[in-house]
Amino acid sequence: MKTLKGMLRIQSVLLVLAATASPALAQATMRVSLHPSGSQAALGAGQITSVTNDGRVAFESLEPFDGRDTNGVSDVYLYDRSLGTTTLLSVNAAGTAAGNGVSTDPEITPSGAFVVFASVASDLVSGDSNGVSDVFVVAVATGAMTMMSRGPSGAPGNGASTEPSISNTGRIVAFTS
């Protein structure tokens, strides 16, 4: 399955569920950029970049949908339609706050097991000392985060890494560096 990848700036993140299996099923539209209380996002400016077949949506937003998100910049979230939850993925290594920099360009695997994204935050994993954008993969089930933009020695890359893409299985990550 190819995920939806785009650079669409929108006021709200909407998920349109099209009835492709049967003409008897109606199309449904639902807003996923809502706070847990159900209130609409005030800041808008969400960017949907990836969706799975079962409706999990990886997106970036300026809006803080999680109390730990106080950095005032775009962060990466995952909306799970089945559970009705929105989870902050661009969280610091301690799990106590959003990362200390902008996180963008999320892409989710078709199974929803992994999300890849780019970030200039230096506190998502220990040892991120290069001061530029890096590429990270989050295992959705555990929240474990791995920095993928490392050199052969394991040290952080010596230049910015952006535009991440992840294979269907999550085993291969490509990015610009």
Protein backbone atom coordinates (compact mmCIF):
# COMPACT_ATOMS: atom_id res chain seq x y z
CA MET A 1 0.00 0.00 0.00
CA LYS A 2 1.25 3.45 -0.83
CA THR A 3 0.65 6.01 1.89
CA LEU A 4 -0.76 9.46 1.18
CA LYS A 5 2.19 11.83 1.06
CA GLY A 6 1.74 15.53 0.48
CA MET A 7 2.39 19.07 1.53
CA LEU A 8 -1.18 20.24 2.15
CA ARG A 9 -1.67 23.05 4.67
CA ILE A 10 -5.12 22.85 6.15
CA GLN A 11 -7.12 24.32 9.01
CA SER A 12 -8.17 20.94 10.37
CA VAL A 13 -6.94 17.44 9.70
CA LEU A 14 -9.85 15.55 8.13
CA LEU A 15 -10.06 11.87 7.33
CA VAL A 16 -12.38 10.95 4.49
CA LEU A 17 -13.39 7.30 4.57
CA ALA A 18 -14.48 6.42 1.07
CA ALA A 19 -16.74 3.45 0.43
CA THR A 20 -14.74 1.53 -2.13
CA ALA A 21 -15.67 -2.02 -1.17
CA SER A 22 -19.39 -1.65 -1.69
CA PRO A 23 -21.54 1.03 -3.31
CA ALA A 24 -24.03 0.49 -0.49
CA LEU A 25 -21.57 1.99 2.02
CA ALA A 26 -21.63 5.75 2.42
CA GLN A 27 -18.58 7.99 2.44
CA ALA A 28 -17.80 9.47 5.86
CA THR A 29 -15.72 12.50 6.80
CA MET A 30 -14.35 12.93 10.29
CA ARG A 31 -12.11 15.56 11.88
CA VAL A 32 -9.08 14.04 13.57
CA SER A 33 -7.41 17.26 14.72
CA LEU A 34 -9.51 17.51 17.87
CA HIS A 35 -8.47 17.81 21.49
CA PRO A 36 -9.34 14.87 23.77
CA SER A 37 -12.25 16.99 25.05
CA GLY A 38 -13.60 17.12 21.48
CA SER A 39 -12.91 20.82 21.00
CA GLN A 40 -11.56 22.05 17.69
CA ALA A 41 -7.92 22.96 17.30
CA ALA A 42 -7.48 26.72 17.75
CA LEU A 43 -4.20 27.10 15.89
CA GLY A 44 -5.21 25.06 12.86
CA ALA A 45 -2.29 24.67 10.48
CA GLY A 46 -2.23 20.88 10.58
CA GLN A 47 -0.46 18.94 7.89
CA ILE A 48 -1.54 15.42 7.03
CA THR A 49 1.20 13.44 5.42
CA SER A 50 0.36 9.79 5.88
CA VAL A 51 -2.63 7.52 6.50
CA THR A 52 -3.04 3.74 6.81
CA ASN A 53 -5.80 1.67 5.22
CA ASP A 54 -7.55 1.35 8.58
CA GLY A 55 -7.52 5.09 9.23
CA ARG A 56 -4.54 5.80 11.46
CA VAL A 57 -3.23 9.24 10.56
CA ALA A 58 0.29 10.57 11.13
CA PHE A 59 0.32 14.36 11.00
CA GLU A 60 2.21 17.41 12.16
CA SER A 61 0.57 20.33 13.90
CA LEU A 62 1.34 23.57 15.70
CA GLU A 63 -1.63 22.83 17.94
CA PRO A 64 -0.67 21.16 21.24
CA PHE A 65 -2.95 18.10 21.47
CA ASP A 66 -1.00 16.79 24.46
CA GLY A 67 -0.24 18.57 27.73
CA ARG A 68 3.45 17.78 27.28
CA ASP A 69 3.53 19.84 24.05
CA THR A 70 4.57 23.31 25.20
CA ASN A 71 7.32 24.08 22.69
CA GLY A 72 5.21 26.31 20.40
CA VAL A 73 6.41 24.63 17.18
CA SER A 74 5.17 21.84 14.91
CA ASP A 75 5.18 18.39 16.44
CA VAL A 76 4.27 14.94 15.12
CA TYR A 77 1.10 13.17 16.23
CA LEU A 78 -0.67 9.90 15.50
CA TYR A 79 -4.45 9.70 15.43
CA ASP A 80 -5.87 6.19 15.84
CA ARG A 81 -9.42 6.01 14.50
CA SER A 82 -10.14 2.65 16.17
CA LEU A 83 -9.13 3.88 19.62
CA GLY A 84 -10.16 7.52 19.12
CA THR A 85 -6.79 8.67 20.49
CA THR A 86 -4.22 11.25 19.44
CA THR A 87 -0.67 10.52 20.58
CA LEU A 88 2.34 12.85 20.62
CA LEU A 89 5.20 11.02 18.88
CA SER A 90 7.89 13.74 18.80
CA VAL A 91 8.49 13.47 22.54
CA ASN A 92 11.81 13.92 24.34
CA ALA A 93 13.86 10.91 25.46
CA ALA A 94 12.54 11.21 29.02
CA GLY A 95 8.95 11.14 27.75
CA THR A 96 8.13 14.26 29.75
CA ALA A 97 7.75 16.91 27.00
CA ALA A 98 7.64 17.48 23.28
CA GLY A 99 11.06 17.70 21.68
CA ASN A 100 12.89 21.02 21.87
CA GLY A 101 12.57 21.76 18.14
CA VAL A 102 10.37 21.49 15.06
CA SER A 103 9.30 17.98 13.95
CA THR A 104 7.86 17.47 10.45
CA ASP A 105 7.14 15.12 7.54
CA PRO A 106 5.72 12.04 9.31
CA GLU A 107 5.03 8.90 7.34
CA ILE A 108 3.42 5.76 8.76
CA THR A 109 3.84 2.17 7.62
CA PRO A 110 0.70 0.49 6.23
CA SER A 111 0.42 -1.67 9.37
CA GLY A 112 0.72 1.40 11.60
CA ALA A 113 3.64 -0.18 13.46
CA PHE A 114 6.22 2.53 12.68
CA VAL A 115 6.27 6.27 12.00
CA VAL A 116 9.27 8.06 10.51
CA PHE A 117 9.75 11.84 10.71
CA ALA A 118 12.38 14.59 10.56
CA SER A 119 13.21 16.86 13.49
CA VAL A 120 15.67 19.53 14.55
CA ALA A 121 15.00 18.67 18.21
CA SER A 122 18.18 17.57 19.96
CA ASP A 123 16.52 15.80 22.91
CA LEU A 124 14.50 13.02 21.23
CA VAL A 125 17.31 10.51 21.77
CA SER A 126 20.56 10.73 23.72
CA GLY A 127 23.66 11.62 21.75
CA ASP A 128 22.00 13.89 19.15
CA SER A 129 24.67 16.56 19.12
CA ASN A 130 24.94 17.60 15.46
CA GLY A 131 22.61 20.63 15.70
CA VAL A 132 20.75 19.89 12.44
CA SER A 133 17.64 18.05 11.29
CA ASP A 134 17.76 14.29 11.80
CA VAL A 135 15.45 11.41 10.87
CA PHE A 136 13.75 9.32 13.55
CA VAL A 137 11.61 6.18 13.61
CA VAL A 138 9.10 5.51 16.40
CA ALA A 139 7.81 2.01 17.16
CA VAL A 140 4.19 2.92 17.81
CA ALA A 141 3.40 0.05 20.20
CA THR A 142 6.28 0.82 22.58
CA GLY A 143 7.16 4.45 21.84
CA ALA A 144 10.80 3.43 21.33
CA MET A 145 12.55 6.00 19.13
CA THR A 146 15.63 5.44 16.96
CA MET A 147 17.70 8.09 15.19
CA MET A 148 18.26 6.77 11.67
CA SER A 149 20.49 9.56 10.31
CA ARG A 150 23.78 8.25 11.62
CA GLY A 151 27.06 7.67 9.88
CA PRO A 152 28.79 4.28 9.53
CA SER A 153 30.47 4.76 12.93
CA GLY A 154 27.11 5.33 14.62
CA ALA A 155 27.75 9.03 15.19
CA PRO A 156 25.05 11.53 14.19
CA GLY A 157 25.25 12.61 10.55
CA ASN A 158 27.35 15.67 9.76
CA GLY A 159 24.60 17.45 7.79
CA ALA A 160 20.84 17.94 7.80
CA SER A 161 18.68 14.90 7.06
CA THR A 162 15.15 15.54 5.76
CA GLU A 163 12.29 14.14 3.64
CA PRO A 164 12.08 10.71 5.27
CA SER A 165 10.27 7.75 3.75
CA ILE A 166 9.73 4.31 5.25
CA SER A 167 9.16 0.94 3.58
CA ASN A 168 5.93 -1.02 4.03
CA THR A 169 7.57 -3.27 6.64
CA GLY A 170 9.40 -0.46 8.44
CA ARG A 171 12.76 -2.18 7.86
CA ILE A 172 14.06 0.37 5.33
CA VAL A 173 14.18 4.15 5.74
CA ALA A 174 15.28 6.57 3.03
CA PHE A 175 15.93 10.30 3.42
CA THR A 176 17.75 13.24 1.90
CA SER A 177 21.04 14.17 3.54
